[in-house]
């Protein structure tokens, strides 16, 4: 089980496919018509970002940059970058599952994280008029009270967490450094999810319970105030953060630290803080026969399927919701 601030129990079905799940990147900076690097906006279907990058890299014989990783089992719009000297060759590019939407330029390539967020569009099924009304009410509450910022099932893969635990315990070894880091990130993310679940269970009346010693974030600044800043938290000026354990990371204090320490392990990763809650923006929903089409925007690194979990009141995995 997983805990939610808005514990809805709406019975609908969802199966993630390229025809039911859409996502478009929202870039962190503007591009123009001049610069040494081409910034290419592409639409892909049924391909992972790694596959997308390999396809373009092989065709151009060049290293390709990207801003974020996107689901394979989806239709996604995202940005790639490479030296603009390859633009003539790009005119000959063709692939059945990739469409080039726009070509712009920049003086620097894309880096991982060059995003503000992502815009999602999701079809869900078995939604009659009553359920549609229930979904609208639940969404209104989530927008106001926040969505727990869990890592979704896509972060872990079907066996990654099991392999990650074996890696940490010394029962699994790989020479593939990329795989090793992926497994470590999965393990780190699971610790965060378990911390967040405990903190959500402590909350009351749909409001995240603040503790003395919590680490807050305002823009990119982290800080621990001497008093619990309830007013600023309710005004959405600041956000509580949870630990992504590793080295050189800002730790909580007092009561908050006692809970955080239960989900901390020494990992060969650089530690970070992650927002405990996110607030979906620009939420829209349409009812079409027995289906609903849900649109919303989330900050980068947040998972759209967690919103669906909150509405259904249960976890989603690769099998979806029956």
Foldseek 3Di string as FASTA:
>chain_A
DFFKLQQAAQAWFFAQAQVFKEKEFAFLDDFAADAFKKKWKKKFHQAWVVRVQVVVCVQQVFHKAFAETDDNRHIYIGIIMTTPVSVVSCVPDDDPGMDTDDMTYDHDGHHHNRGFWMKMKGKIFQADPVSVVLLVVSLVLCLQAFTFQAQAQVLQPPCLQVQLVCVVVVNDDDPPVVSNVSSLQNLLRVLQSVLLRVQSVVDPNSHGDDDQQFWKDAPHDIDHDRDDPVVCVSVVRIFTWAKSEEPPEDATDDPSRVSNVVSYDYDNDHMYIGGRGWRWPPWDWDDDPRMIMIITITGPPGDPVSVVCSNNSHGAHNRTRD
